[in-house]
Amino acid sequence: MFNYNDYKIILACGSTDMRKSINGLSDIVCHHFNLDPRDKIIFAFCNNSRNRIKLLVWSDNGFWVHFKRIEKGRVIWPAVDDTENTMILSFEDLKNIIITPGITQKIKRAEVWKKA
């Protein structure tokens, strides 16, 4: 059911309002990242407190929103600056961010997408 092996992973740098659901997150993907949320991409979002993560994924004929609330610790999440608002991650990097909060990971930046 959740076979995301051939999906790219794009992390939204900075914080996102976690009250947003499918429509709000899709709007961010379309208008801020200039991408189609129905592509084979896992979009990762984090709140300001760094203790909640949402993943937006298009699969077959609809969206999935995966949500994790971290009970202890906080994830290390990159901030937005003038040159970047997203970054591409490997599945391993995303897994390490989500599973081991509070541990500083070295994230490989394969490519940075700029806001148009």
PDB file of N, CA and C in Angstrom:
ATOM      1  N   MET A   1       0.824  -1.198   0.000  1.00  0.00           N
ATOM      2  CA  MET A   1       0.000   0.000   0.000  1.00  0.00           C
ATOM      3  C   MET A   1       0.865   1.257   0.000  1.00  0.00           C
ATOM      4  N   PHE A   2       1.934   1.303   0.785  1.00  0.00           N
ATOM      5  CA  PHE A   2       2.807   2.470   0.831  1.00  0.00           C
ATOM      6  C   PHE A   2       4.142   2.124   0.198  1.00  0.00           C
ATOM      7  N   ASN A   3       4.166   2.010  -1.095  1.00  0.00           N
ATOM      8  CA  ASN A   3       5.405   1.707  -1.802  1.00  0.00           C
ATOM      9  C   ASN A   3       5.922   2.996  -2.432  1.00  0.00           C
ATOM     10  N   TYR A   4       6.798   3.676  -1.734  1.00  0.00           N
ATOM     11  CA  TYR A   4       7.322   4.958  -2.180  1.00  0.00           C
ATOM     12  C   TYR A   4       8.765   4.857  -2.643  1.00  0.00           C
ATOM     13  N   ASN A   5       9.196   3.691  -3.077  1.00  0.00           N
ATOM     14  CA  ASN A   5      10.591   3.475  -3.459  1.00  0.00           C
ATOM     15  C   ASN A   5      11.060   4.380  -4.590  1.00  0.00           C
ATOM     16  N   ASP A   6      10.223   4.664  -5.559  1.00  0.00           N
ATOM     17  CA  ASP A   6      10.654   5.469  -6.702  1.00  0.00           C
ATOM     18  C   ASP A   6      10.219   6.932  -6.592  1.00  0.00           C
ATOM     19  N   TYR A   7       9.910   7.383  -5.392  1.00  0.00           N
ATOM     20  CA  TYR A   7       9.502   8.771  -5.169  1.00  0.00           C
ATOM     21  C   TYR A   7      10.711   9.621  -4.792  1.00  0.00           C
ATOM     22  N   LYS A   8      10.711  10.876  -5.233  1.00  0.00           N
ATOM     23  CA  LYS A   8      11.672  11.864  -4.748  1.00  0.00           C
ATOM     24  C   LYS A   8      11.155  12.355  -3.405  1.00  0.00           C
ATOM     25  N   ILE A   9      12.025  12.964  -2.623  1.00  0.00           N
ATOM     26  CA  ILE A   9      11.613  13.565  -1.363  1.00  0.00           C
ATOM     27  C   ILE A   9      12.060  15.011  -1.364  1.00  0.00           C
ATOM     28  N   ILE A  10      11.090  15.900  -1.172  1.00  0.00           N
ATOM     29  CA  ILE A  10      11.393  17.329  -1.099  1.00  0.00           C
ATOM     30  C   ILE A  10      10.970  17.847   0.269  1.00  0.00           C
ATOM     31  N   LEU A  11      11.916  18.421   0.970  1.00  0.00           N
ATOM     32  CA  LEU A  11      11.687  18.962   2.293  1.00  0.00           C
ATOM     33  C   LEU A  11      11.434  20.454   2.183  1.00  0.00           C
ATOM     34  N   ALA A  12      10.381  20.929   2.830  1.00  0.00           N
ATOM     35  CA  ALA A  12      10.072  22.360   2.875  1.00  0.00           C
ATOM     36  C   ALA A  12      10.862  22.965   4.022  1.00  0.00           C
ATOM     37  N   CYS A  13      11.868  23.758   3.696  1.00  0.00           N
ATOM     38  CA  CYS A  13      12.695  24.383   4.727  1.00  0.00           C
ATOM     39  C   CYS A  13      11.845  25.361   5.542  1.00  0.00           C
ATOM     40  N   GLY A  14      12.212  25.546   6.781  1.00  0.00           N
ATOM     41  CA  GLY A  14      11.466  26.452   7.646  1.00  0.00           C
ATOM     42  C   GLY A  14      10.236  25.785   8.212  1.00  0.00           C
ATOM     43  N   SER A  15       9.379  26.586   8.818  1.00  0.00           N
ATOM     44  CA  SER A  15       8.195  26.025   9.473  1.00  0.00           C
ATOM     45  C   SER A  15       6.954  26.184   8.602  1.00  0.00           C
ATOM     46  N   THR A  16       6.007  25.281   8.834  1.00  0.00           N
ATOM     47  CA  THR A  16       4.722  25.277   8.135  1.00  0.00           C
ATOM     48  C   THR A  16       3.627  25.180   9.185  1.00  0.00           C
ATOM     49  N   ASP A  17       2.537  25.863   8.941  1.00  0.00           N
ATOM     50  CA  ASP A  17       1.374  25.810   9.823  1.00  0.00           C
ATOM     51  C   ASP A  17       0.778  24.406   9.755  1.00  0.00           C
ATOM     52  N   MET A  18       0.816  23.674  10.855  1.00  0.00           N
ATOM     53  CA  MET A  18       0.343  22.289  10.869  1.00  0.00           C
ATOM     54  C   MET A  18      -1.179  22.181  10.867  1.00  0.00           C
ATOM     55  N   ARG A  19      -1.887  23.311  10.901  1.00  0.00           N
ATOM     56  CA  ARG A  19      -3.338  23.257  10.743  1.00  0.00           C
ATOM     57  C   ARG A  19      -3.716  22.995   9.293  1.00  0.00           C
ATOM     58  N   LYS A  20      -2.756  23.183   8.392  1.00  0.00           N
ATOM     59  CA  LYS A  20      -3.016  22.933   6.977  1.00  0.00           C
ATOM     60  C   LYS A  20      -3.147  21.440   6.727  1.00  0.00           C
ATOM     61  N   SER A  21      -4.102  21.100   5.883  1.00  0.00           N
ATOM     62  CA  SER A  21      -4.276  19.705   5.500  1.00  0.00           C
ATOM     63  C   SER A  21      -3.969  19.580   4.015  1.00  0.00           C
ATOM     64  N   ILE A  22      -4.623  18.698   3.329  1.00  0.00           N
ATOM     65  CA  ILE A  22      -4.296  18.414   1.932  1.00  0.00           C
ATOM     66  C   ILE A  22      -4.369  19.654   1.055  1.00  0.00           C
ATOM     67  N   ASN A  23      -5.447  20.392   1.123  1.00  0.00           N
ATOM     68  CA  ASN A  23      -5.596  21.569   0.253  1.00  0.00           C
ATOM     69  C   ASN A  23      -4.559  22.643   0.550  1.00  0.00           C
ATOM     70  N   GLY A  24      -4.313  22.914   1.821  1.00  0.00           N
ATOM     71  CA  GLY A  24      -3.338  23.938   2.193  1.00  0.00           C
ATOM     72  C   GLY A  24      -1.915  23.557   1.825  1.00  0.00           C
ATOM     73  N   LEU A  25      -1.565  22.301   2.067  1.00  0.00           N
ATOM     74  CA  LEU A  25      -0.215  21.846   1.724  1.00  0.00           C
ATOM     75  C   LEU A  25      -0.026  21.781   0.210  1.00  0.00           C
ATOM     76  N   SER A  26      -1.064  21.351  -0.505  1.00  0.00           N
ATOM     77  CA  SER A  26      -1.005  21.332  -1.972  1.00  0.00           C
ATOM     78  C   SER A  26      -0.833  22.736  -2.530  1.00  0.00           C
ATOM     79  N   ASP A  27      -1.484  23.698  -1.895  1.00  0.00           N
ATOM     80  CA  ASP A  27      -1.357  25.091  -2.319  1.00  0.00           C
ATOM     81  C   ASP A  27       0.083  25.582  -2.146  1.00  0.00           C
ATOM     82  N   ILE A  28       0.717  25.222  -1.058  1.00  0.00           N
ATOM     83  CA  ILE A  28       2.130  25.581  -0.841  1.00  0.00           C
ATOM     84  C   ILE A  28       2.993  24.978  -1.945  1.00  0.00           C
ATOM     85  N   VAL A  29       2.768  23.704  -2.236  1.00  0.00           N
ATOM     86  CA  VAL A  29       3.555  23.014  -3.259  1.00  0.00           C
ATOM     87  C   VAL A  29       3.375  23.689  -4.614  1.00  0.00           C
ATOM     88  N   CYS A  30       2.139  24.019  -4.959  1.00  0.00           N
ATOM     89  CA  CYS A  30       1.851  24.634  -6.277  1.00  0.00           C
ATOM     90  C   CYS A  30       2.389  26.052  -6.384  1.00  0.00           C
ATOM     91  N   HIS A  31       2.058  26.887  -5.409  1.00  0.00           N
ATOM     92  CA  HIS A  31       2.325  28.316  -5.549  1.00  0.00           C
ATOM     93  C   HIS A  31       3.672  28.773  -5.001  1.00  0.00           C
ATOM     94  N   HIS A  32       4.228  28.085  -4.033  1.00  0.00           N
ATOM     95  CA  HIS A  32       5.524  28.498  -3.485  1.00  0.00           C
ATOM     96  C   HIS A  32       6.687  27.714  -4.084  1.00  0.00           C
ATOM     97  N   PHE A  33       6.428  26.432  -4.399  1.00  0.00           N
ATOM     98  CA  PHE A  33       7.498  25.608  -4.946  1.00  0.00           C
ATOM     99  C   PHE A  33       7.382  25.447  -6.457  1.00  0.00           C
ATOM    100  N   ASN A  34       6.269  25.885  -7.042  1.00  0.00           N
ATOM    101  CA  ASN A  34       6.007  25.745  -8.482  1.00  0.00           C
ATOM    102  C   ASN A  34       6.124  24.295  -8.954  1.00  0.00           C
ATOM    103  N   LEU A  35       5.556  23.384  -8.168  1.00  0.00           N
ATOM    104  CA  LEU A  35       5.564  21.961  -8.492  1.00  0.00           C
ATOM    105  C   LEU A  35       4.139  21.430  -8.479  1.00  0.00           C
ATOM    106  N   ASP A  36       3.938  20.293  -9.105  1.00  0.00           N
ATOM    107  CA  ASP A  36       2.640  19.640  -9.099  1.00  0.00           C
ATOM    108  C   ASP A  36       2.609  18.657  -7.937  1.00  0.00           C
ATOM    109  N   PRO A  37       1.695  18.815  -6.982  1.00  0.00           N
ATOM    110  CA  PRO A  37       1.665  17.910  -5.833  1.00  0.00           C
ATOM    111  C   PRO A  37       1.286  16.475  -6.202  1.00  0.00           C
ATOM    112  N   ARG A  38       0.846  16.254  -7.449  1.00  0.00           N
ATOM    113  CA  ARG A  38       0.492  14.901  -7.889  1.00  0.00           C
ATOM    114  C   ARG A  38       1.670  14.170  -8.530  1.00  0.00           C
ATOM    115  N   ASP A  39       2.843  14.789  -8.554  1.00  0.00           N
ATOM    116  CA  ASP A  39       4.035  14.109  -9.047  1.00  0.00           C
ATOM    117  C   ASP A  39       4.467  13.048  -8.035  1.00  0.00           C
ATOM    118  N   LYS A  40       5.376  12.192  -8.455  1.00  0.00           N
ATOM    119  CA  LYS A  40       5.872  11.144  -7.570  1.00  0.00           C
ATOM    120  C   LYS A  40       6.912  11.739  -6.625  1.00  0.00           C
ATOM    121  N   ILE A  41       6.408  12.562  -5.696  1.00  0.00           N
ATOM    122  CA  ILE A  41       7.259  13.269  -4.743  1.00  0.00           C
ATOM    123  C   ILE A  41       6.613  13.191  -3.365  1.00  0.00           C
ATOM    124  N   ILE A  42       7.420  12.939  -2.368  1.00  0.00           N
ATOM    125  CA  ILE A  42       6.979  13.042  -0.982  1.00  0.00           C
ATOM    126  C   ILE A  42       7.384  14.429  -0.507  1.00  0.00           C
ATOM    127  N   PHE A  43       6.409  15.249  -0.117  1.00  0.00           N
ATOM    128  CA  PHE A  43       6.682  16.597   0.372  1.00  0.00           C
ATOM    129  C   PHE A  43       6.647  16.562   1.902  1.00  0.00           C
ATOM    130  N   ALA A  44       7.733  16.987   2.533  1.00  0.00           N
ATOM    131  CA  ALA A  44       7.854  16.938   3.996  1.00  0.00           C
ATOM    132  C   ALA A  44       7.766  18.350   4.571  1.00  0.00           C
ATOM    133  N   PHE A  45       6.940  18.515   5.613  1.00  0.00           N
ATOM    134  CA  PHE A  45       6.721  19.799   6.273  1.00  0.00           C
ATOM    135  C   PHE A  45       6.894  19.627   7.780  1.00  0.00           C
ATOM    136  N   CYS A  46       7.326  20.692   8.454  1.00  0.00           N
ATOM    137  CA  CYS A  46       7.537  20.654   9.904  1.00  0.00           C
ATOM    138  C   CYS A  46       6.998  21.938  10.521  1.00  0.00           C
ATOM    139  N   ASN A  47       6.542  21.862  11.774  1.00  0.00           N
ATOM    140  CA  ASN A  47       6.041  23.048  12.451  1.00  0.00           C
ATOM    141  C   ASN A  47       7.174  23.852  13.083  1.00  0.00           C
ATOM    142  N   ASN A  48       6.846  25.002  13.650  1.00  0.00           N
ATOM    143  CA  ASN A  48       7.836  25.900  14.233  1.00  0.00           C
ATOM    144  C   ASN A  48       8.501  25.298  15.469  1.00  0.00           C
ATOM    145  N   SER A  49       7.761  24.508  16.237  1.00  0.00           N
ATOM    146  CA  SER A  49       8.317  23.888  17.440  1.00  0.00           C
ATOM    147  C   SER A  49       9.174  22.667  17.131  1.00  0.00           C
ATOM    148  N   ARG A  50       9.152  22.220  15.883  1.00  0.00           N
ATOM    149  CA  ARG A  50       9.948  21.081  15.414  1.00  0.00           C
ATOM    150  C   ARG A  50       9.561  19.762  16.089  1.00  0.00           C
ATOM    151  N   ASN A  51       8.280  19.654  16.468  1.00  0.00           N
ATOM    152  CA  ASN A  51       7.831  18.408  17.073  1.00  0.00           C
ATOM    153  C   ASN A  51       6.662  17.762  16.317  1.00  0.00           C
ATOM    154  N   ARG A  52       6.336  18.304  15.153  1.00  0.00           N
ATOM    155  CA  ARG A  52       5.301  17.727  14.308  1.00  0.00           C
ATOM    156  C   ARG A  52       5.763  17.746  12.853  1.00  0.00           C
ATOM    157  N   ILE A  53       5.530  16.627  12.174  1.00  0.00           N
ATOM    158  CA  ILE A  53       5.936  16.500  10.779  1.00  0.00           C
ATOM    159  C   ILE A  53       4.750  15.977   9.980  1.00  0.00           C
ATOM    160  N   LYS A  54       4.543  16.554   8.806  1.00  0.00           N
ATOM    161  CA  LYS A  54       3.535  16.054   7.876  1.00  0.00           C
ATOM    162  C   LYS A  54       4.203  15.733   6.555  1.00  0.00           C
ATOM    163  N   LEU A  55       3.774  14.632   5.962  1.00  0.00           N
ATOM    164  CA  LEU A  55       4.217  14.244   4.634  1.00  0.00           C
ATOM    165  C   LEU A  55       3.003  14.232   3.729  1.00  0.00           C
ATOM    166  N   LEU A  56       3.089  14.912   2.601  1.00  0.00           N
ATOM    167  CA  LEU A  56       2.018  14.934   1.597  1.00  0.00           C
ATOM    168  C   LEU A  56       2.482  14.091   0.417  1.00  0.00           C
ATOM    169  N   VAL A  57       1.658  13.103   0.053  1.00  0.00           N
ATOM    170  CA  VAL A  57       2.032  12.169  -1.014  1.00  0.00           C
ATOM    171  C   VAL A  57       0.823  11.881  -1.890  1.00  0.00           C
ATOM    172  N   TRP A  58       1.018  11.948  -3.207  1.00  0.00           N
ATOM    173  CA  TRP A  58      -0.001  11.520  -4.157  1.00  0.00           C
ATOM    174  C   TRP A  58       0.269  10.057  -4.487  1.00  0.00           C
ATOM    175  N   SER A  59      -0.749   9.231  -4.384  1.00  0.00           N
ATOM    176  CA  SER A  59      -0.600   7.815  -4.676  1.00  0.00           C
ATOM    177  C   SER A  59      -1.846   7.333  -5.411  1.00  0.00           C
ATOM    178  N   ASP A  60      -1.652   6.777  -6.590  1.00  0.00           N
ATOM    179  CA  ASP A  60      -2.735   6.237  -7.424  1.00  0.00           C
ATOM    180  C   ASP A  60      -3.770   7.303  -7.769  1.00  0.00           C
ATOM    181  N   ASN A  61      -4.799   7.440  -6.954  1.00  0.00           N
ATOM    182  CA  ASN A  61      -5.881   8.349  -7.309  1.00  0.00           C
ATOM    183  C   ASN A  61      -6.226   9.325  -6.191  1.00  0.00           C
ATOM    184  N   GLY A  62      -5.293   9.539  -5.264  1.00  0.00           N
ATOM    185  CA  GLY A  62      -5.588  10.464  -4.175  1.00  0.00           C
ATOM    186  C   GLY A  62      -4.366  10.775  -3.333  1.00  0.00           C
ATOM    187  N   PHE A  63      -4.570  11.708  -2.399  1.00  0.00           N
ATOM    188  CA  PHE A  63      -3.492  12.149  -1.519  1.00  0.00           C
ATOM    189  C   PHE A  63      -3.491  11.359  -0.220  1.00  0.00           C
ATOM    190  N   TRP A  64      -2.305  11.158   0.310  1.00  0.00           N
ATOM    191  CA  TRP A  64      -2.084  10.665   1.657  1.00  0.00           C
ATOM    192  C   TRP A  64      -1.415  11.789   2.428  1.00  0.00           C
ATOM    193  N   VAL A  65      -1.833  11.984   3.667  1.00  0.00           N
ATOM    194  CA  VAL A  65      -1.121  12.866   4.585  1.00  0.00           C
ATOM    195  C   VAL A  65      -0.676  11.995   5.751  1.00  0.00           C
ATOM    196  N   HIS A  66       0.630  11.873   5.920  1.00  0.00           N
ATOM    197  CA  HIS A  66       1.192  11.141   7.053  1.00  0.00           C
ATOM    198  C   HIS A  66       1.600  12.184   8.089  1.00  0.00           C
ATOM    199  N   PHE A  67       1.251  11.949   9.339  1.00  0.00           N
ATOM    200  CA  PHE A  67       1.493  12.920  10.399  1.00  0.00           C
ATOM    201  C   PHE A  67       2.202  12.237  11.565  1.00  0.00           C
ATOM    202  N   LYS A  68       3.231  12.881  12.095  1.00  0.00           N
ATOM    203  CA  LYS A  68       3.913  12.363  13.275  1.00  0.00           C
ATOM    204  C   LYS A  68       4.058  13.476  14.297  1.00  0.00           C
ATOM    205  N   ARG A  69       3.650  13.165  15.534  1.00  0.00           N
ATOM    206  CA  ARG A  69       3.848  14.072  16.665  1.00  0.00           C
ATOM    207  C   ARG A  69       4.935  13.468  17.539  1.00  0.00           C
ATOM    208  N   ILE A  70       6.012  14.184  17.713  1.00  0.00           N
ATOM    209  CA  ILE A  70       7.154  13.693  18.489  1.00  0.00           C
ATOM    210  C   ILE A  70       6.919  14.052  19.952  1.00  0.00           C
ATOM    211  N   GLU A  71       6.943  13.048  20.809  1.00  0.00           N
ATOM    212  CA  GLU A  71       6.651  13.257  22.226  1.00  0.00           C
ATOM    213  C   GLU A  71       7.842  13.805  23.002  1.00  0.00           C
ATOM    214  N   LYS A  72       9.051  13.371  22.669  1.00  0.00           N
ATOM    215  CA  LYS A  72      10.247  13.871  23.351  1.00  0.00           C
ATOM    216  C   LYS A  72      11.267  14.272  22.306  1.00  0.00           C
ATOM    217  N   GLY A  73      11.865  15.427  22.509  1.00  0.00           N
ATOM    218  CA  GLY A  73      12.875  15.905  21.580  1.00  0.00           C
ATOM    219  C   GLY A  73      12.269  16.715  20.450  1.00  0.00           C
ATOM    220  N   ARG A  74      13.121  17.172  19.587  1.00  0.00           N
ATOM    221  CA  ARG A  74      12.730  17.963  18.422  1.00  0.00           C
ATOM    222  C   ARG A  74      13.586  17.524  17.253  1.00  0.00           C
ATOM    223  N   VAL A  75      13.034  17.641  16.064  1.00  0.00           N
ATOM    224  CA  VAL A  75      13.816  17.285  14.882  1.00  0.00           C
ATOM    225  C   VAL A  75      14.711  18.453  14.501  1.00  0.00           C
ATOM    226  N   ILE A  76      15.796  18.134  13.827  1.00  0.00           N
ATOM    227  CA  ILE A  76      16.671  19.151  13.259  1.00  0.00           C
ATOM    228  C   ILE A  76      16.126  19.422  11.862  1.00  0.00           C
ATOM    229  N   TRP A  77      15.700  20.655  11.616  1.00  0.00           N
ATOM    230  CA  TRP A  77      15.044  21.000  10.356  1.00  0.00           C
ATOM    231  C   TRP A  77      15.701  22.249   9.790  1.00  0.00           C
ATOM    232  N   PRO A  78      16.078  22.244   8.525  1.00  0.00           N
ATOM    233  CA  PRO A  78      16.744  23.425   7.947  1.00  0.00           C
ATOM    234  C   PRO A  78      15.819  24.633   7.868  1.00  0.00           C
ATOM    235  N   ALA A  79      16.397  25.796   8.089  1.00  0.00           N
ATOM    236  CA  ALA A  79      15.655  27.051   8.012  1.00  0.00           C
ATOM    237  C   ALA A  79      15.640  27.562   6.576  1.00  0.00           C
ATOM    238  N   VAL A  80      14.722  28.456   6.307  1.00  0.00           N
ATOM    239  CA  VAL A  80      14.651  29.116   5.003  1.00  0.00           C
ATOM    240  C   VAL A  80      15.618  30.289   5.017  1.00  0.00           C
ATOM    241  N   ASP A  81      16.314  30.499   3.917  1.00  0.00           N
ATOM    242  CA  ASP A  81      17.088  31.728   3.771  1.00  0.00           C
ATOM    243  C   ASP A  81      16.768  32.335   2.410  1.00  0.00           C
ATOM    244  N   ASP A  82      17.523  33.324   2.002  1.00  0.00           N
ATOM    245  CA  ASP A  82      17.209  34.054   0.773  1.00  0.00           C
ATOM    246  C   ASP A  82      17.342  33.217  -0.491  1.00  0.00           C
ATOM    247  N   THR A  83      18.107  32.148  -0.455  1.00  0.00           N
ATOM    248  CA  THR A  83      18.383  31.407  -1.679  1.00  0.00           C
ATOM    249  C   THR A  83      17.646  30.080  -1.791  1.00  0.00           C
ATOM    250  N   GLU A  84      17.066  29.587  -0.715  1.00  0.00           N
ATOM    251  CA  GLU A  84      16.437  28.274  -0.799  1.00  0.00           C
ATOM    252  C   GLU A  84      15.208  28.177   0.091  1.00  0.00           C
ATOM    253  N   ASN A  85      14.208  27.458  -0.395  1.00  0.00           N
ATOM    254  CA  ASN A  85      13.043  27.175   0.427  1.00  0.00           C
ATOM    255  C   ASN A  85      12.680  25.695   0.407  1.00  0.00           C
ATOM    256  N   THR A  86      13.377  24.921  -0.407  1.00  0.00           N
ATOM    257  CA  THR A  86      13.202  23.470  -0.410  1.00  0.00           C
ATOM    258  C   THR A  86      14.553  22.809  -0.610  1.00  0.00           C
ATOM    259  N   MET A  87      14.595  21.536  -0.294  1.00  0.00           N
ATOM    260  CA  MET A  87      15.784  20.761  -0.589  1.00  0.00           C
ATOM    261  C   MET A  87      15.381  19.320  -0.850  1.00  0.00           C
ATOM    262  N   ILE A  88      16.157  18.658  -1.683  1.00  0.00           N
ATOM    263  CA  ILE A  88      15.906  17.261  -2.011  1.00  0.00           C
ATOM    264  C   ILE A  88      16.691  16.395  -1.033  1.00  0.00           C
ATOM    265  N   LEU A  89      16.014  15.396  -0.491  1.00  0.00           N
ATOM    266  CA  LEU A  89      16.640  14.476   0.451  1.00  0.00           C
ATOM    267  C   LEU A  89      16.597  13.060  -0.091  1.00  0.00           C
ATOM    268  N   SER A  90      17.460  12.239   0.435  1.00  0.00           N
ATOM    269  CA  SER A  90      17.351  10.803   0.186  1.00  0.00           C
ATOM    270  C   SER A  90      16.340  10.249   1.183  1.00  0.00           C
ATOM    271  N   PHE A  91      15.825   9.077   0.883  1.00  0.00           N
ATOM    272  CA  PHE A  91      14.883   8.435   1.806  1.00  0.00           C
ATOM    273  C   PHE A  91      15.553   8.181   3.148  1.00  0.00           C
ATOM    274  N   GLU A  92      16.823   7.812   3.124  1.00  0.00           N
ATOM    275  CA  GLU A  92      17.586   7.550   4.351  1.00  0.00           C
ATOM    276  C   GLU A  92      17.682   8.799   5.215  1.00  0.00           C
ATOM    277  N   ASP A  93      17.946   9.963   4.588  1.00  0.00           N
ATOM    278  CA  ASP A  93      18.042  11.221   5.342  1.00  0.00           C
ATOM    279  C   ASP A  93      16.708  11.572   5.994  1.00  0.00           C
ATOM    280  N   LEU A  94      15.604  11.429   5.251  1.00  0.00           N
ATOM    281  CA  LEU A  94      14.294  11.726   5.820  1.00  0.00           C
ATOM    282  C   LEU A  94      13.997  10.781   6.981  1.00  0.00           C
ATOM    283  N   LYS A  95      14.298   9.526   6.801  1.00  0.00           N
ATOM    284  CA  LYS A  95      14.078   8.536   7.860  1.00  0.00           C
ATOM    285  C   LYS A  95      14.878   8.900   9.107  1.00  0.00           C
ATOM    286  N   ASN A  96      16.132   9.303   8.940  1.00  0.00           N
ATOM    287  CA  ASN A  96      16.963   9.688  10.081  1.00  0.00           C
ATOM    288  C   ASN A  96      16.427  10.925  10.793  1.00  0.00           C
ATOM    289  N   ILE A  97      15.928  11.877  10.056  1.00  0.00           N
ATOM    290  CA  ILE A  97      15.353  13.084  10.665  1.00  0.00           C
ATOM    291  C   ILE A  97      14.147  12.717  11.511  1.00  0.00           C
ATOM    292  N   ILE A  98      13.283  11.866  10.983  1.00  0.00           N
ATOM    293  CA  ILE A  98      12.034  11.539  11.670  1.00  0.00           C
ATOM    294  C   ILE A  98      12.254  10.586  12.841  1.00  0.00           C
ATOM    295  N   ILE A  99      13.111   9.600  12.676  1.00  0.00           N
ATOM    296  CA  ILE A  99      13.275   8.557  13.689  1.00  0.00           C
ATOM    297  C   ILE A  99      14.172   8.992  14.838  1.00  0.00           C
ATOM    298  N   THR A 100      15.161   9.830  14.581  1.00  0.00           N
ATOM    299  CA  THR A 100      16.102  10.202  15.634  1.00  0.00           C
ATOM    300  C   THR A 100      16.064  11.698  15.911  1.00  0.00           C
ATOM    301  N   PRO A 101      14.973  12.201  16.506  1.00  0.00           N
ATOM    302  CA  PRO A 101      14.913  13.646  16.773  1.00  0.00           C
ATOM    303  C   PRO A 101      15.939  14.054  17.819  1.00  0.00           C
ATOM    304  N   GLY A 102      16.462  15.249  17.654  1.00  0.00           N
ATOM    305  CA  GLY A 102      17.407  15.790  18.610  1.00  0.00           C
ATOM    306  C   GLY A 102      18.849  15.463  18.315  1.00  0.00           C
ATOM    307  N   ILE A 103      19.093  14.566  17.391  1.00  0.00           N
ATOM    308  CA  ILE A 103      20.463  14.232  17.017  1.00  0.00           C
ATOM    309  C   ILE A 103      20.787  14.995  15.739  1.00  0.00           C
ATOM    310  N   THR A 104      21.863  15.724  15.746  1.00  0.00           N
ATOM    311  CA  THR A 104      22.235  16.489  14.568  1.00  0.00           C
ATOM    312  C   THR A 104      22.713  15.545  13.477  1.00  0.00           C
ATOM    313  N   GLN A 105      22.015  15.563  12.365  1.00  0.00           N
ATOM    314  CA  GLN A 105      22.398  14.732  11.238  1.00  0.00           C
ATOM    315  C   GLN A 105      23.091  15.587  10.195  1.00  0.00           C
ATOM    316  N   LYS A 106      23.932  14.954   9.437  1.00  0.00           N
ATOM    317  CA  LYS A 106      24.551  15.637   8.312  1.00  0.00           C
ATOM    318  C   LYS A 106      23.708  15.315   7.088  1.00  0.00           C
ATOM    319  N   ILE A 107      23.003  16.297   6.586  1.00  0.00           N
ATOM    320  CA  ILE A 107      22.110  16.098   5.453  1.00  0.00           C
ATOM    321  C   ILE A 107      22.856  16.442   4.180  1.00  0.00           C
ATOM    322  N   LYS A 108      22.805  15.539   3.226  1.00  0.00           N
ATOM    323  CA  LYS A 108      23.435  15.788   1.935  1.00  0.00           C
ATOM    324  C   LYS A 108      22.459  16.561   1.067  1.00  0.00           C
ATOM    325  N   ARG A 109      22.880  17.672   0.567  1.00  0.00           N
ATOM    326  CA  ARG A 109      22.037  18.469  -0.316  1.00  0.00           C
ATOM    327  C   ARG A 109      22.368  18.108  -1.750  1.00  0.00           C
ATOM    328  N   ALA A 110      21.555  17.230  -2.312  1.00  0.00           N
ATOM    329  CA  ALA A 110      21.780  16.809  -3.681  1.00  0.00           C
ATOM    330  C   ALA A 110      21.495  17.955  -4.653  1.00  0.00           C
ATOM    331  N   GLU A 111      20.488  18.690  -4.351  1.00  0.00           N
ATOM    332  CA  GLU A 111      20.102  19.785  -5.237  1.00  0.00           C
ATOM    333  C   GLU A 111      19.208  20.714  -4.440  1.00  0.00           C
ATOM    334  N   VAL A 112      19.274  21.992  -4.693  1.00  0.00           N
ATOM    335  CA  VAL A 112      18.422  22.963  -4.008  1.00  0.00           C
ATOM    336  C   VAL A 112      17.518  23.604  -5.052  1.00  0.00           C
ATOM    337  N   TRP A 113      16.240  23.668  -4.722  1.00  0.00           N
ATOM    338  CA  TRP A 113      15.277  24.313  -5.629  1.00  0.00           C
ATOM    339  C   TRP A 113      14.979  25.691  -5.091  1.00  0.00           C
ATOM    340  N   LYS A 114      15.019  26.665  -5.951  1.00  0.00           N
ATOM    341  CA  LYS A 114      14.783  28.030  -5.555  1.00  0.00           C
ATOM    342  C   LYS A 114      13.351  28.430  -5.859  1.00  0.00           C
ATOM    343  N   LYS A 115      12.845  29.304  -5.030  1.00  0.00           N
ATOM    344  CA  LYS A 115      11.514  29.841  -5.265  1.00  0.00           C
ATOM    345  C   LYS A 115      11.561  30.749  -6.468  1.00  0.00           C
ATOM    346  N   ALA A 116      10.624  30.553  -7.373  1.00  0.00           N
ATOM    347  CA  ALA A 116      10.613  31.362  -8.602  1.00  0.00           C
ATOM    348  C   ALA A 116       9.984  32.704  -8.389  1.00  0.00           C
TER     349      ALA A 116
END
